[in-house]
N, C-alpha and C. Protein backbone atom coordinates (compact mmCIF):
# COMPACT_ATOMS: atom_id res chain seq x y z
N MET A 1 124.86 173.44 -73.75
CA MET A 1 124.70 172.44 -72.51
C MET A 1 124.88 173.54 -71.72
N ALA A 2 124.30 173.10 -70.87
CA ALA A 2 123.78 173.95 -69.44
C ALA A 2 125.11 174.13 -68.24
N GLY A 3 125.88 172.60 -68.12
CA GLY A 3 127.51 172.43 -67.15
C GLY A 3 127.89 172.63 -68.18
N GLU A 4 128.51 173.58 -69.05
CA GLU A 4 129.61 174.22 -69.70
C GLU A 4 130.06 175.86 -68.92
N LEU A 5 131.14 175.29 -68.83
CA LEU A 5 131.66 176.85 -68.16
C LEU A 5 132.29 177.91 -69.53
N ASN A 6 131.87 179.03 -69.68
CA ASN A 6 132.61 180.02 -70.36
C ASN A 6 132.05 181.43 -69.84
N LEU A 7 132.73 182.16 -70.09
CA LEU A 7 132.78 183.58 -70.18
C LEU A 7 132.23 184.29 -69.45
N SER A 8 130.42 183.63 -70.22
CA SER A 8 128.83 183.83 -69.60
C SER A 8 128.13 184.04 -68.47
N ASN A 9 128.45 182.24 -67.93
CA ASN A 9 128.43 182.05 -66.66
C ASN A 9 129.44 181.43 -65.86
N LEU A 10 130.59 182.68 -66.04
CA LEU A 10 132.09 182.51 -65.18
C LEU A 10 131.20 183.05 -63.66
N GLN A 11 131.44 182.44 -62.24
CA GLN A 11 131.37 182.86 -61.67
C GLN A 11 132.54 182.51 -60.02
N PRO A 12 131.97 183.37 -59.53
CA PRO A 12 133.74 182.50 -58.11
C PRO A 12 132.52 181.69 -57.53
N ALA A 13 133.52 180.88 -56.39
CA ALA A 13 132.78 179.26 -56.65
C ALA A 13 132.35 179.66 -55.59
N GLN A 14 132.70 180.74 -54.33
CA GLN A 14 132.25 181.05 -52.98
C GLN A 14 130.92 182.07 -53.66
N PRO A 15 130.32 183.00 -52.53
CA PRO A 15 129.86 184.10 -52.74
C PRO A 15 130.44 185.27 -52.31
N ARG A 16 130.87 186.42 -52.81
CA ARG A 16 131.39 187.49 -52.51
C ARG A 16 130.91 188.27 -52.21
N LYS A 17 131.35 189.34 -51.01
CA LYS A 17 130.43 190.37 -49.68
C LYS A 17 132.00 191.25 -50.02
N GLU A 18 131.61 192.28 -49.99
CA GLU A 18 132.21 193.78 -50.21
C GLU A 18 132.81 194.26 -48.67
N ARG A 19 133.64 194.64 -48.96
CA ARG A 19 134.38 194.72 -47.15
C ARG A 19 133.35 196.30 -47.22
N LYS A 20 133.76 196.85 -45.96
CA LYS A 20 132.48 198.04 -45.15
C LYS A 20 133.56 199.01 -45.72
N ARG A 21 133.53 199.66 -46.32
CA ARG A 21 134.47 201.11 -47.01
C ARG A 21 134.36 202.10 -45.86
N VAL A 22 134.73 202.62 -44.81
CA VAL A 22 134.49 203.36 -44.00
C VAL A 22 134.90 205.08 -44.19
N GLY A 23 134.58 205.93 -43.12
CA GLY A 23 135.59 206.78 -43.49
C GLY A 23 135.39 208.15 -44.70
N ARG A 24 134.10 207.96 -44.95
CA ARG A 24 134.27 208.78 -46.17
C ARG A 24 133.45 209.72 -46.38
N GLY A 25 132.52 210.19 -44.94
CA GLY A 25 131.70 211.31 -45.05
C GLY A 25 130.16 210.65 -44.65
N LEU A 26 129.26 211.67 -44.53
CA LEU A 26 127.87 211.71 -44.51
C LEU A 26 126.94 211.29 -45.36
N GLY A 27 127.62 211.00 -46.71
CA GLY A 27 127.42 210.85 -47.87
C GLY A 27 127.68 209.61 -48.10
N SER A 28 128.33 208.41 -47.18
CA SER A 28 128.36 207.26 -47.92
C SER A 28 127.72 206.31 -47.22
N GLY A 29 126.98 206.99 -46.65
CA GLY A 29 125.64 205.98 -45.72
C GLY A 29 125.88 205.43 -44.98
N LYS A 30 127.33 205.37 -44.44
CA LYS A 30 127.65 204.65 -43.16
C LYS A 30 126.99 206.23 -42.01
N GLY A 31 126.05 206.79 -42.40
CA GLY A 31 126.40 207.95 -40.79
C GLY A 31 127.31 208.85 -40.80
N ARG A 32 127.79 209.51 -39.73
CA ARG A 32 128.39 210.74 -39.22
C ARG A 32 130.09 210.59 -39.47
N TYR A 33 130.25 209.34 -38.51
CA TYR A 33 131.90 208.52 -37.92
C TYR A 33 132.08 207.31 -38.52
N SER A 34 131.30 207.16 -39.88
CA SER A 34 131.80 206.13 -40.81
C SER A 34 131.24 204.82 -40.20
N GLY A 35 131.20 204.70 -38.69
CA GLY A 35 131.46 202.81 -37.97
C GLY A 35 133.05 202.98 -36.95
N ARG A 36 133.50 204.06 -36.85
CA ARG A 36 134.45 204.48 -36.08
C ARG A 36 134.10 204.42 -34.90
N GLY A 37 132.90 205.52 -34.61
CA GLY A 37 132.95 205.78 -33.60
C GLY A 37 133.15 207.60 -33.03
N ILE A 38 133.83 207.77 -32.22
CA ILE A 38 133.55 209.28 -31.38
C ILE A 38 134.93 209.73 -31.67
N LYS A 39 135.94 209.95 -32.33
CA LYS A 39 137.49 210.45 -32.02
C LYS A 39 138.18 209.44 -31.19
N GLY A 40 139.36 209.48 -30.66
CA GLY A 40 139.71 208.95 -29.83
C GLY A 40 141.00 207.96 -30.74
N GLN A 41 141.69 206.79 -30.21
CA GLN A 41 142.72 206.23 -30.53
C GLN A 41 142.26 205.30 -31.92
N LYS A 42 141.66 204.43 -31.77
CA LYS A 42 140.55 203.51 -32.46
C LYS A 42 140.20 203.86 -33.83
N SER A 43 139.89 205.90 -33.91
CA SER A 43 138.98 205.98 -34.80
C SER A 43 140.12 206.90 -36.14
N ARG A 44 141.49 206.82 -35.48
CA ARG A 44 142.53 206.78 -36.32
C ARG A 44 142.93 205.69 -37.36
N SER A 45 143.50 206.80 -38.35
CA SER A 45 144.47 205.05 -38.96
C SER A 45 145.61 204.17 -38.66
N GLY A 46 145.30 202.90 -39.00
CA GLY A 46 146.50 202.11 -38.32
C GLY A 46 146.36 202.21 -36.88
N SER A 47 145.43 202.12 -36.35
CA SER A 47 145.13 202.21 -34.88
C SER A 47 145.08 200.38 -34.52
N HIS A 48 144.61 199.72 -35.50
CA HIS A 48 144.36 198.51 -35.16
C HIS A 48 145.85 197.50 -35.69
N ALA A 49 147.01 198.41 -35.80
CA ALA A 49 148.16 197.39 -36.36
C ALA A 49 149.60 197.85 -35.33
N MET A 50 148.42 197.99 -33.89
CA MET A 50 149.52 198.43 -32.25
C MET A 50 150.98 197.23 -31.99
N ARG A 51 151.83 197.90 -31.81
CA ARG A 51 153.26 196.60 -31.33
C ARG A 51 152.10 195.79 -30.19
N ALA A 52 153.82 194.82 -30.51
CA ALA A 52 153.15 193.65 -29.12
C ALA A 52 153.27 194.46 -28.00
N GLY A 53 152.76 194.52 -26.82
CA GLY A 53 153.69 194.98 -25.82
C GLY A 53 152.92 196.43 -25.28
N PHE A 54 151.90 197.20 -26.28
CA PHE A 54 152.35 198.17 -26.59
C PHE A 54 150.58 197.97 -25.37
N GLU A 55 150.91 199.27 -24.61
CA GLU A 55 149.42 199.85 -23.63
C GLU A 55 149.10 200.64 -23.15
N GLY A 56 148.81 201.43 -24.47
CA GLY A 56 147.88 202.48 -24.34
C GLY A 56 149.06 203.34 -24.25
N GLY A 57 149.89 203.40 -24.34
CA GLY A 57 150.68 204.96 -24.00
C GLY A 57 151.92 205.06 -22.84
N GLN A 58 151.05 204.30 -21.54
CA GLN A 58 151.48 204.38 -20.47
C GLN A 58 152.66 203.57 -20.14
N MET A 59 153.78 203.23 -19.52
CA MET A 59 154.79 203.25 -19.27
C MET A 59 154.78 201.25 -19.64
N PRO A 60 155.10 200.47 -20.05
CA PRO A 60 154.95 198.93 -20.62
C PRO A 60 155.32 198.26 -19.47
N LEU A 61 155.25 196.98 -19.02
CA LEU A 61 155.61 196.40 -18.65
C LEU A 61 157.17 196.35 -18.51
N HIS A 62 157.57 196.47 -19.38
CA HIS A 62 159.34 195.50 -20.05
C HIS A 62 160.19 196.69 -19.19
N MET A 63 159.07 197.69 -19.10
CA MET A 63 160.34 198.91 -18.52
C MET A 63 159.89 199.47 -16.99
N ARG A 64 158.66 198.85 -16.63
CA ARG A 64 158.82 198.49 -15.44
C ARG A 64 159.41 198.53 -14.20
N THR A 65 159.28 196.66 -14.88
CA THR A 65 160.09 196.14 -14.34
C THR A 65 161.67 196.08 -13.88
N ALA A 66 162.21 196.09 -12.98
CA ALA A 66 164.28 195.59 -11.89
C ALA A 66 164.65 194.98 -13.29
N LYS A 67 166.00 195.80 -13.14
CA LYS A 67 166.73 194.83 -14.55
C LYS A 67 167.90 194.60 -13.69
N LEU A 68 168.38 193.47 -13.97
CA LEU A 68 169.63 192.91 -13.48
C LEU A 68 171.09 192.98 -14.11
N ARG A 69 171.78 193.43 -13.32
CA ARG A 69 173.15 193.78 -13.94
C ARG A 69 174.42 192.79 -14.32
N GLY A 70 175.15 193.14 -14.76
CA GLY A 70 175.97 191.92 -15.35
C GLY A 70 175.87 192.13 -16.63
N ASN A 71 177.02 190.88 -17.10
CA ASN A 71 177.41 190.38 -18.64
C ASN A 71 176.47 189.40 -18.86
N THR A 72 175.73 188.87 -17.87
CA THR A 72 174.87 187.53 -17.72
C THR A 72 173.36 188.18 -18.37
N SER A 73 172.96 188.93 -17.83
CA SER A 73 172.00 189.60 -18.05
C SER A 73 171.12 190.00 -19.23
N LYS A 74 170.16 189.43 -19.72
CA LYS A 74 169.34 190.00 -20.58
C LYS A 74 169.21 191.23 -20.99
N ASP A 75 168.85 191.72 -19.96
CA ASP A 75 168.79 193.43 -19.91
C ASP A 75 170.35 194.14 -20.29
N ALA A 76 171.65 193.26 -19.78
CA ALA A 76 172.34 194.35 -19.36
C ALA A 76 172.71 194.91 -20.40
N MET A 77 173.40 196.48 -20.30
CA MET A 77 173.60 197.06 -21.48
C MET A 77 175.21 197.61 -20.76
N PRO A 78 176.22 197.82 -21.28
CA PRO A 78 176.08 197.53 -22.69
C PRO A 78 176.15 196.05 -23.08
N VAL A 79 176.13 195.15 -24.49
CA VAL A 79 176.01 193.80 -23.99
C VAL A 79 177.20 194.08 -25.69
N GLY A 80 177.54 192.89 -26.06
CA GLY A 80 178.15 192.55 -27.09
C GLY A 80 179.59 192.06 -26.67
N PRO A 81 180.72 192.41 -26.72
CA PRO A 81 181.69 192.24 -26.48
C PRO A 81 181.98 192.15 -24.81
N PHE A 82 180.94 192.17 -24.00
CA PHE A 82 180.68 191.76 -22.45
C PHE A 82 180.23 190.99 -22.15
N ARG A 83 179.25 190.47 -22.97
CA ARG A 83 179.05 189.42 -22.37
C ARG A 83 179.48 188.03 -22.95
N THR A 84 179.88 186.90 -22.33
CA THR A 84 181.21 185.75 -22.40
C THR A 84 179.90 184.89 -22.25
N PHE A 85 180.75 183.65 -23.21
CA PHE A 85 179.68 182.12 -23.24
C PHE A 85 180.71 181.22 -23.71
N THR A 86 181.23 180.01 -22.60
CA THR A 86 182.06 178.83 -23.18
C THR A 86 181.34 178.14 -22.51
N GLN A 87 181.52 177.03 -23.54
CA GLN A 87 180.90 175.54 -23.71
C GLN A 87 181.56 174.79 -22.71
N PRO A 88 180.56 174.38 -21.60
CA PRO A 88 181.52 173.26 -20.74
C PRO A 88 181.75 172.07 -21.34
N VAL A 89 182.68 171.21 -20.43
CA VAL A 89 182.97 169.90 -21.00
C VAL A 89 183.77 169.20 -19.55
N ASN A 90 182.67 167.96 -19.14
CA ASN A 90 183.01 167.57 -17.52
C ASN A 90 184.28 166.74 -17.87
N LEU A 91 184.38 166.53 -16.95
CA LEU A 91 186.17 165.19 -17.24
C LEU A 91 185.62 163.76 -17.07
N ARG A 92 184.34 163.56 -17.10
CA ARG A 92 183.13 162.82 -16.81
C ARG A 92 183.33 162.60 -18.53
N ASP A 93 183.19 163.38 -19.37
CA ASP A 93 182.46 163.04 -20.91
C ASP A 93 183.82 162.37 -21.53
N LEU A 94 184.93 162.80 -21.10
CA LEU A 94 186.47 162.38 -21.91
C LEU A 94 186.88 160.91 -21.31
N GLU A 95 185.39 159.94 -20.92
CA GLU A 95 186.38 158.82 -20.39
C GLU A 95 186.07 158.35 -22.75
N ARG A 96 184.90 158.80 -23.04
CA ARG A 96 185.40 158.51 -24.58
C ARG A 96 186.25 158.45 -25.30
N PHE A 97 187.52 159.13 -24.98
CA PHE A 97 188.68 158.47 -25.73
C PHE A 97 189.64 158.10 -24.98
N ASP A 98 190.44 157.52 -26.43
CA ASP A 98 191.08 156.19 -25.93
C ASP A 98 192.54 157.02 -25.15
N LEU A 99 193.61 155.88 -24.32
CA LEU A 99 194.38 156.05 -23.86
C LEU A 99 195.71 156.30 -24.70
N GLY A 100 195.97 158.10 -24.49
CA GLY A 100 197.17 158.74 -24.83
C GLY A 100 196.31 159.22 -26.04
N GLU A 101 195.16 159.49 -26.52
CA GLU A 101 194.62 160.41 -27.41
C GLU A 101 194.03 162.19 -26.83
N GLU A 102 194.88 162.88 -28.37
CA GLU A 102 194.48 164.00 -27.65
C GLU A 102 193.45 164.55 -27.98
N VAL A 103 192.89 165.33 -27.03
CA VAL A 103 191.33 166.15 -26.79
C VAL A 103 192.21 167.84 -27.68
N THR A 104 191.27 167.87 -28.00
CA THR A 104 191.03 168.89 -28.68
C THR A 104 189.74 170.10 -29.01
N PRO A 105 189.08 171.25 -28.84
CA PRO A 105 188.03 171.24 -29.55
C PRO A 105 187.26 170.64 -31.10
N GLU A 106 188.32 170.83 -32.15
CA GLU A 106 187.62 169.39 -32.78
C GLU A 106 187.34 168.34 -32.97
N THR A 107 188.28 167.77 -31.99
CA THR A 107 187.91 166.25 -31.87
C THR A 107 187.08 165.94 -30.54
N LEU A 108 186.22 167.05 -29.69
CA LEU A 108 185.26 167.00 -29.14
C LEU A 108 184.12 167.15 -29.88
N LYS A 109 184.19 168.12 -30.67
CA LYS A 109 182.82 168.11 -31.57
C LYS A 109 182.58 166.68 -32.36
N ALA A 110 183.98 166.26 -32.92
CA ALA A 110 183.84 164.60 -33.40
C ALA A 110 183.17 163.99 -32.70
N LYS A 111 183.30 163.85 -31.35
CA LYS A 111 182.75 163.50 -30.45
C LYS A 111 181.60 164.04 -30.12
N GLY A 112 181.44 164.91 -30.44
CA GLY A 112 180.14 165.62 -29.59
C GLY A 112 179.22 165.37 -28.46
N LEU A 113 180.77 166.08 -28.09
CA LEU A 113 180.57 167.02 -26.69
C LEU A 113 180.25 168.32 -27.15
N ILE A 114 180.91 169.35 -28.36
CA ILE A 114 180.12 170.69 -28.59
C ILE A 114 179.83 170.33 -29.76
N ARG A 115 179.08 171.79 -29.82
CA ARG A 115 178.18 171.86 -31.19
C ARG A 115 179.06 173.05 -31.98
N SER A 116 180.52 173.85 -30.91
CA SER A 116 180.54 174.38 -32.53
C SER A 116 182.59 174.95 -31.85
N VAL A 117 183.27 174.90 -32.56
CA VAL A 117 183.98 175.56 -32.66
C VAL A 117 184.74 176.58 -32.38
N ARG A 118 183.99 177.76 -32.77
CA ARG A 118 184.36 178.52 -32.83
C ARG A 118 183.70 179.43 -31.79
N LYS A 119 183.43 178.66 -30.30
CA LYS A 119 182.97 178.70 -28.89
C LYS A 119 184.46 178.62 -28.20
N ASP A 120 184.47 179.15 -27.55
CA ASP A 120 185.54 179.24 -26.32
C ASP A 120 185.01 177.69 -25.34
N VAL A 121 185.93 176.58 -25.01
CA VAL A 121 185.69 175.56 -24.85
C VAL A 121 186.19 175.36 -23.20
N LYS A 122 185.17 175.47 -21.97
CA LYS A 122 185.92 175.19 -20.59
C LYS A 122 185.78 173.66 -19.98
N LEU A 123 186.92 173.19 -19.69
CA LEU A 123 187.47 172.04 -18.89
C LEU A 123 186.42 172.04 -17.54
N LEU A 124 185.66 171.16 -17.11
CA LEU A 124 185.44 171.54 -15.70
C LEU A 124 185.61 170.37 -14.74
N GLY A 125 185.47 170.05 -13.51
CA GLY A 125 185.75 169.03 -12.91
C GLY A 125 184.94 168.45 -12.47
N VAL A 126 184.26 168.08 -12.85
CA VAL A 126 182.60 166.93 -12.69
C VAL A 126 183.62 166.00 -13.16
N GLY A 127 182.88 164.67 -11.96
CA GLY A 127 183.56 162.95 -12.38
C GLY A 127 184.79 163.19 -12.42
N GLU A 128 185.25 161.80 -12.37
CA GLU A 128 186.90 161.47 -12.68
C GLU A 128 187.21 160.98 -13.94
N LEU A 129 188.70 161.34 -13.86
CA LEU A 129 189.13 160.80 -15.58
C LEU A 129 190.18 159.74 -14.89
N SER A 130 190.42 158.54 -15.46
CA SER A 130 191.21 157.13 -15.35
C SER A 130 192.27 156.83 -16.56
N LYS A 131 192.29 158.24 -17.29
CA LYS A 131 192.76 157.97 -18.77
C LYS A 131 194.23 159.32 -19.10
N LYS A 132 195.13 158.62 -19.49
CA LYS A 132 196.45 159.90 -19.58
C LYS A 132 195.98 160.55 -21.04
N LEU A 133 195.33 161.41 -20.52
CA LEU A 133 195.35 162.73 -22.10
C LEU A 133 195.99 163.69 -22.50
N THR A 134 196.18 164.35 -23.21
CA THR A 134 196.40 165.24 -23.76
C THR A 134 195.59 166.61 -24.43
N ILE A 135 195.30 167.14 -22.87
CA ILE A 135 193.99 168.16 -23.65
C ILE A 135 194.48 169.57 -23.70
N THR A 136 194.22 170.27 -24.78
CA THR A 136 194.43 171.46 -25.33
C THR A 136 192.49 171.96 -25.17
N VAL A 137 192.55 172.63 -24.41
CA VAL A 137 190.91 173.52 -24.46
C VAL A 137 191.40 175.57 -23.99
N HIS A 138 190.41 175.94 -24.23
CA HIS A 138 190.09 177.40 -24.00
C HIS A 138 190.73 178.01 -22.49
N ALA A 139 190.44 177.05 -21.56
CA ALA A 139 190.12 177.04 -19.65
C ALA A 139 189.74 176.10 -19.39
N ALA A 140 190.45 175.60 -18.10
CA ALA A 140 190.03 174.92 -17.28
C ALA A 140 189.83 175.13 -15.87
N SER A 141 189.15 174.89 -15.03
CA SER A 141 188.99 174.82 -13.76
C SER A 141 189.85 174.30 -13.19
N ALA A 142 190.12 174.86 -11.94
CA ALA A 142 191.46 173.93 -10.59
C ALA A 142 191.13 172.69 -10.38
N THR A 143 190.15 172.60 -10.26
CA THR A 143 189.72 170.91 -10.40
C THR A 143 189.85 169.93 -11.21
N ALA A 144 189.58 170.22 -12.19
CA ALA A 144 189.84 169.83 -13.23
C ALA A 144 190.95 169.34 -14.04
N ARG A 145 192.14 170.70 -14.05
CA ARG A 145 193.18 170.44 -14.02
C ARG A 145 194.43 169.49 -12.87
N ALA A 146 194.18 169.66 -11.60
CA ALA A 146 194.31 168.59 -10.74
C ALA A 146 194.04 167.25 -10.84
N LYS A 147 192.84 167.71 -11.20
CA LYS A 147 192.56 165.73 -11.65
C LYS A 147 192.95 164.95 -12.81
N VAL A 148 193.27 166.52 -14.23
CA VAL A 148 194.01 165.87 -15.36
C VAL A 148 195.22 165.37 -14.94
N GLU A 149 195.93 166.08 -14.08
CA GLU A 149 197.81 166.47 -13.77
C GLU A 149 197.79 164.33 -12.87
N ALA A 150 197.00 164.40 -12.26
CA ALA A 150 197.08 163.44 -11.32
C ALA A 150 197.02 161.57 -12.26
N ALA A 151 196.10 161.98 -12.79
CA ALA A 151 196.45 160.49 -14.11
C ALA A 151 196.48 160.80 -14.89
N GLY A 152 198.30 161.37 -14.68
CA GLY A 152 199.28 161.76 -15.85
C GLY A 152 199.22 162.33 -16.96
N GLY A 153 198.46 162.91 -17.12
CA GLY A 153 197.77 163.73 -18.33
C GLY A 153 198.63 165.40 -18.37
N THR A 154 198.65 165.84 -19.65
CA THR A 154 199.17 167.39 -19.56
C THR A 154 197.70 168.69 -20.16
N LEU A 155 197.91 169.11 -19.52
CA LEU A 155 196.49 170.23 -19.77
C LEU A 155 197.14 171.36 -20.35
N THR A 156 196.75 172.16 -22.18
CA THR A 156 197.57 173.31 -22.21
C THR A 156 195.67 174.10 -22.17
N LEU A 157 196.14 175.49 -22.05
CA LEU A 157 195.40 176.48 -22.31
C LEU A 157 195.51 177.16 -23.83
N LEU A 158 194.44 177.59 -24.96
CA LEU A 158 194.44 178.09 -25.67
C LEU A 158 194.49 179.40 -25.10
N LYS A 159 193.73 179.97 -24.18
CA LYS A 159 194.14 181.28 -23.93
C LYS A 159 194.28 181.47 -22.31
N GLU A 160 195.20 182.43 -22.05
CA GLU A 160 196.26 182.09 -20.76
C GLU A 160 195.06 182.84 -20.34
N PRO A 161 194.82 182.51 -18.12
CA PRO A 161 194.05 183.56 -17.51
C PRO A 161 194.26 184.86 -17.32
N LYS A 162 193.04 185.93 -17.39
CA LYS A 162 193.68 187.20 -16.49
C LYS A 162 194.13 187.39 -14.96
N VAL A 163 195.40 187.85 -15.39
CA VAL A 163 195.75 188.13 -13.88
C VAL A 163 194.85 189.01 -13.26
N ARG A 164 194.37 188.63 -12.39
CA ARG A 164 192.80 189.81 -11.78
C ARG A 164 193.88 191.17 -11.04
N LYS A 165 193.69 192.79 -10.82
CA LYS A 165 194.25 193.27 -10.55
C LYS A 165 193.94 193.51 -8.94
N PRO A 166 194.86 193.57 -8.35
CA PRO A 166 194.67 193.63 -6.96
C PRO A 166 193.50 194.93 -6.61
N LYS A 167 193.03 194.71 -5.29
CA LYS A 167 192.68 196.26 -5.17
C LYS A 167 193.08 197.73 -4.79
N ASN A 168 192.09 198.24 -4.99
CA ASN A 168 193.03 199.60 -4.94
C ASN A 168 193.19 200.10 -3.43
N MET A 169 193.83 199.52 -2.57
CA MET A 169 193.96 199.79 -1.25
C MET A 169 195.16 200.89 -0.78
N LYS A 170 195.11 201.72 0.25
CA LYS A 170 196.21 201.96 0.36
C LYS A 170 197.30 201.74 1.24
N ARG A 171 198.50 201.06 0.48
CA ARG A 171 199.04 200.64 1.82
C ARG A 171 200.60 201.24 1.38
N ARG A 172 201.29 200.91 3.05
CA ARG A 172 202.35 201.83 3.89
C ARG A 172 203.39 200.61 3.09
N PRO A 173 204.17 201.44 2.54
CA PRO A 173 205.43 200.54 2.07
C PRO A 173 205.75 199.86 2.93
N GLU A 174 206.90 199.03 2.70
CA GLU A 174 207.56 197.78 3.41
C GLU A 174 208.29 198.35 4.26
N GLY A 175 208.71 197.70 5.80
CA GLY A 175 209.51 198.70 6.82
C GLY A 175 208.98 199.09 7.16
N ARG A 176 208.33 200.21 6.76
CA ARG A 176 207.59 200.86 7.46
C ARG A 176 206.16 200.78 8.64
N THR A 177 206.07 201.09 9.61
CA THR A 177 205.31 200.60 10.44
C THR A 177 204.30 201.76 11.15
N LYS A 178 203.16 201.44 11.91
CA LYS A 178 202.51 202.91 12.56
C LYS A 178 203.31 203.77 13.18
N ASP A 179 204.37 203.12 14.15
CA ASP A 179 205.08 203.92 15.04
C ASP A 179 205.97 204.73 13.92
N SER A 180 206.83 203.81 13.35
CA SER A 180 207.86 204.59 12.36
C SER A 180 207.41 205.80 11.40
N SER A 181 205.92 205.97 11.33
CA SER A 181 205.22 206.79 10.35
C SER A 181 205.67 207.89 10.74
N PRO A 182 206.14 209.17 9.24
CA PRO A 182 206.17 210.95 9.68
C PRO A 182 205.62 211.71 10.56
N ASP A 183 204.12 211.45 10.85
CA ASP A 183 203.81 212.03 11.76
C ASP A 183 203.83 211.52 12.85
N ALA A 184 204.15 210.24 13.27
CA ALA A 184 204.07 209.45 14.82
C ALA A 184 206.04 210.03 14.92
N ALA A 185 207.02 210.22 14.06
CA ALA A 185 208.37 210.23 13.99
C ALA A 185 208.79 211.91 14.79
N GLU A 186 207.36 213.16 14.23
CA GLU A 186 207.75 214.17 14.51
C GLU A 186 207.47 214.41 16.08
N PRO A 187 206.69 214.18 17.23
CA PRO A 187 206.53 214.30 18.01
C PRO A 187 207.84 213.66 18.57
N GLU A 188 207.93 212.46 18.85
CA GLU A 188 209.70 212.28 19.15
C GLU A 188 210.29 213.12 19.16
N ALA A 189 211.05 213.50 17.82
CA ALA A 189 211.46 214.34 17.26
C ALA A 189 211.94 215.84 18.37
N ALA A 190 210.66 216.09 18.54
CA ALA A 190 210.29 216.89 19.54
C ALA A 190 210.75 216.90 20.71
N ALA A 191 210.60 215.89 21.28
CA ALA A 191 210.76 215.77 22.45
C ALA A 191 212.26 215.55 22.80
N GLU A 192 212.39 214.91 22.65
CA GLU A 192 214.28 214.91 22.01
C GLU A 192 214.65 216.12 22.22
N ALA A 193 214.74 217.02 21.28
CA ALA A 193 215.28 218.63 20.94
C ALA A 193 214.92 218.86 22.44
N ALA A 194 213.70 218.39 22.78
CA ALA A 194 213.15 219.59 24.15
C ALA A 194 213.94 219.49 25.09
N SER A 195 214.44 218.05 25.15
CA SER A 195 215.35 217.47 26.59
C SER A 195 216.77 217.97 26.44
N GLY A 196 217.08 217.60 25.07
CA GLY A 196 218.67 218.41 24.99
C GLY A 196 218.81 220.22 25.07
N ALA A 197 218.00 220.59 24.42
CA ALA A 197 218.17 222.09 25.16
C ALA A 197 217.80 222.28 26.19
N ALA A 198 217.26 221.10 27.33
CA ALA A 198 217.17 221.49 28.45
C ALA A 198 218.34 221.21 29.27
N ASP A 199 218.82 219.70 28.80
CA ASP A 199 220.25 219.93 29.46
C ASP A 199 221.32 220.43 29.29
N LYS A 200 221.24 221.63 28.06
CA LYS A 200 222.26 222.41 27.95
C LYS A 200 222.30 223.57 28.51
N THR A 201 221.12 224.14 29.35
CA THR A 201 220.26 224.94 30.20
C THR A 201 221.19 225.08 31.68
N THR A 202 221.14 223.53 32.31
CA THR A 202 221.72 223.43 32.95
C THR A 202 223.00 223.02 33.16
N GLU A 203 223.98 222.67 32.18
CA GLU A 203 225.38 223.05 32.05
C GLU A 203 225.60 224.29 32.47
N VAL A 204 225.19 225.05 31.21
CA VAL A 204 225.18 226.67 31.60
C VAL A 204 225.51 227.11 32.90
N THR A 205 224.09 226.98 33.67
CA THR A 205 223.91 227.45 35.07
C THR A 205 224.90 226.61 36.03
N GLU A 206 225.45 225.29 35.53
CA GLU A 206 226.23 225.06 36.92
C GLU A 206 227.74 225.82 36.35
N GLY A 207 228.20 226.25 35.50
CA GLY A 207 229.66 226.76 34.75
C GLY A 207 229.58 227.92 35.48
N GLU A 208 228.66 229.09 35.59
CA GLU A 208 228.60 230.00 35.80
C GLU A 208 228.54 230.36 37.46
N GLU A 209 228.10 229.09 37.82
CA GLU A 209 228.32 228.99 40.02
C GLU A 209 229.51 228.93 40.30
């Protein structure tokens, strides 16, 4: 049967074309350079698998542009523990809770206000709060705290805010003014000693007479 498929008439469905075998010398029938051109980068093996952003060895664009400093920059070094992130929650979003209900990261996630309980939650003061709630979050702004307390609620922080250290300024000890500094007191003492010596000299001169 002519249409029967067997090993004698087995062939691929599409005609196959052999790949161009380059780089095998003058005997390959492809000429001296085997289709690779004359020297250069693209005549080497692996030259067509360059990484993204490769500019031929010159300084790439991402290294020529300026970098922003700080923990909010993607180019900031070092990163990791110095890069912080909090999930913001506004006061207006807490209207979903009932009166007297407790607000925690777990209940916020249940209400769909945050995505994860593994990241810190910060309460912001956008909007108004008309209910008395017991709120427990990691951080809160001063405006949010004032509005929560004005509504009769309580706010508890899971992480105490860091106390900022004062600037390293050379401060004078308390009670000491500019005139009472040691440098300013020395000329006054010298003047008093000089006037005392002059008085004694005058007394001795009058006694001799």
